[in-house]
């Protein structure tokens, strides 16, 4: 289920290329996955697996960029 949600978010991001990353829903998906207990590395792996056009390095950067905006609870 989590992979499906991530794949949907990644598809939406691919269709909205050029849009600021905070507007594409991926940050929220990243925060949700982290809140569910996944490690940043696991979330980055799912980002890459969900959209092969995102390299593992870029996926890792994206997770670390999103983390400060995630709720603390």
C-alpha atoms as a PDB file:
ATOM      1  CA  UNK A   1       0.000   0.000   0.000  1.00  0.00           C
ATOM      2  CA  UNK A   2       2.769   2.440   0.909  1.00  0.00           C
ATOM      3  CA  UNK A   3       4.556   1.669  -2.351  1.00  0.00           C
ATOM      4  CA  UNK A   4       1.340   2.336  -4.260  1.00  0.00           C
ATOM      5  CA  UNK A   5       0.896   5.712  -2.547  1.00  0.00           C
ATOM      6  CA  UNK A   6       4.497   6.577  -3.304  1.00  0.00           C
ATOM      7  CA  UNK A   7       4.138   5.486  -6.937  1.00  0.00           C
ATOM      8  CA  UNK A   8       1.066   7.710  -7.320  1.00  0.00           C
ATOM      9  CA  UNK A   9       2.932  10.672  -5.841  1.00  0.00           C
ATOM     10  CA  UNK A  10       5.894  10.022  -8.115  1.00  0.00           C
ATOM     11  CA  UNK A  11       3.631   9.855 -11.185  1.00  0.00           C
ATOM     12  CA  UNK A  12       2.059  13.162 -10.213  1.00  0.00           C
ATOM     13  CA  UNK A  13       5.538  14.637  -9.827  1.00  0.00           C
ATOM     14  CA  UNK A  14       6.599  13.366 -13.240  1.00  0.00           C
ATOM     15  CA  UNK A  15       3.564  14.984 -14.843  1.00  0.00           C
ATOM     16  CA  UNK A  16       4.266  18.269 -13.092  1.00  0.00           C
ATOM     17  CA  UNK A  17       7.920  18.599 -14.030  1.00  0.00           C
ATOM     18  CA  UNK A  18       9.236  22.079 -13.356  1.00  0.00           C
ATOM     19  CA  UNK A  19       6.910  22.705 -10.424  1.00  0.00           C
ATOM     20  CA  UNK A  20       8.556  23.581  -7.117  1.00  0.00           C
ATOM     21  CA  UNK A  21       9.067  20.362  -5.161  1.00  0.00           C
ATOM     22  CA  UNK A  22       6.976  21.506  -2.190  1.00  0.00           C
ATOM     23  CA  UNK A  23       3.906  21.600  -4.461  1.00  0.00           C
ATOM     24  CA  UNK A  24       4.038  18.060  -5.826  1.00  0.00           C
ATOM     25  CA  UNK A  25       3.008  16.108  -2.728  1.00  0.00           C
ATOM     26  CA  UNK A  26       6.217  14.128  -2.448  1.00  0.00           C
ATOM     27  CA  UNK A  27       7.307  15.974   0.704  1.00  0.00           C
ATOM     28  CA  UNK A  28       4.079  14.957   2.435  1.00  0.00           C
ATOM     29  CA  UNK A  29       4.511  11.377   1.259  1.00  0.00           C
ATOM     30  CA  UNK A  30       8.086  11.367   2.582  1.00  0.00           C
ATOM     31  CA  UNK A  31       6.896  12.689   5.955  1.00  0.00           C
ATOM     32  CA  UNK A  32       4.134  10.080   6.080  1.00  0.00           C
ATOM     33  CA  UNK A  33       6.565   7.244   5.361  1.00  0.00           C
ATOM     34  CA  UNK A  34       8.988   8.485   8.020  1.00  0.00           C
ATOM     35  CA  UNK A  35       6.113   8.769  10.520  1.00  0.00           C
ATOM     36  CA  UNK A  36       5.251   5.137   9.788  1.00  0.00           C
ATOM     37  CA  UNK A  37       8.727   4.173  10.958  1.00  0.00           C
ATOM     38  CA  UNK A  38      10.667   3.825   7.734  1.00  0.00           C
ATOM     39  CA  UNK A  39      14.260   4.996   7.739  1.00  0.00           C
ATOM     40  CA  UNK A  40      15.357   7.799   5.390  1.00  0.00           C
ATOM     41  CA  UNK A  41      17.231   5.181   3.352  1.00  0.00           C
ATOM     42  CA  UNK A  42      14.115   3.045   2.954  1.00  0.00           C
ATOM     43  CA  UNK A  43      12.055   6.048   1.850  1.00  0.00           C
ATOM     44  CA  UNK A  44      14.751   7.075  -0.651  1.00  0.00           C
ATOM     45  CA  UNK A  45      14.822   3.525  -1.993  1.00  0.00           C
ATOM     46  CA  UNK A  46      11.059   3.602  -2.531  1.00  0.00           C
ATOM     47  CA  UNK A  47      11.313   6.983  -4.257  1.00  0.00           C
ATOM     48  CA  UNK A  48      13.848   5.531  -6.656  1.00  0.00           C
ATOM     49  CA  UNK A  49      11.905   2.289  -7.124  1.00  0.00           C
ATOM     50  CA  UNK A  50       8.688   4.215  -7.769  1.00  0.00           C
ATOM     51  CA  UNK A  51      10.274   6.413 -10.438  1.00  0.00           C
ATOM     52  CA  UNK A  52      13.477   5.184 -12.057  1.00  0.00           C
ATOM     53  CA  UNK A  53      14.142   8.667 -13.457  1.00  0.00           C
ATOM     54  CA  UNK A  54      15.042   9.719  -9.910  1.00  0.00           C
ATOM     55  CA  UNK A  55      18.502   8.443  -9.091  1.00  0.00           C
ATOM     56  CA  UNK A  56      19.191   6.969  -5.674  1.00  0.00           C
ATOM     57  CA  UNK A  57      21.408   9.964  -4.907  1.00  0.00           C
ATOM     58  CA  UNK A  58      18.671  12.449  -5.835  1.00  0.00           C
ATOM     59  CA  UNK A  59      16.079  10.443  -3.891  1.00  0.00           C
ATOM     60  CA  UNK A  60      18.311  10.544  -0.803  1.00  0.00           C
ATOM     61  CA  UNK A  61      18.789  14.304  -1.184  1.00  0.00           C
ATOM     62  CA  UNK A  62      15.047  14.780  -1.578  1.00  0.00           C
ATOM     63  CA  UNK A  63      14.314  12.868   1.636  1.00  0.00           C
ATOM     64  CA  UNK A  64      16.841  14.912   3.613  1.00  0.00           C
ATOM     65  CA  UNK A  65      15.447  18.156   2.149  1.00  0.00           C
ATOM     66  CA  UNK A  66      11.910  17.222   3.170  1.00  0.00           C
ATOM     67  CA  UNK A  67      12.739  16.084   6.698  1.00  0.00           C
ATOM     68  CA  UNK A  68      12.973  19.543   8.352  1.00  0.00           C
ATOM     69  CA  UNK A  69       9.414  20.287   7.195  1.00  0.00           C
ATOM     70  CA  UNK A  70       7.971  17.100   8.692  1.00  0.00           C
ATOM     71  CA  UNK A  71       5.939  17.363  11.918  1.00  0.00           C
ATOM     72  CA  UNK A  72       7.804  16.359  15.057  1.00  0.00           C
ATOM     73  CA  UNK A  73       5.114  14.041  16.411  1.00  0.00           C
END
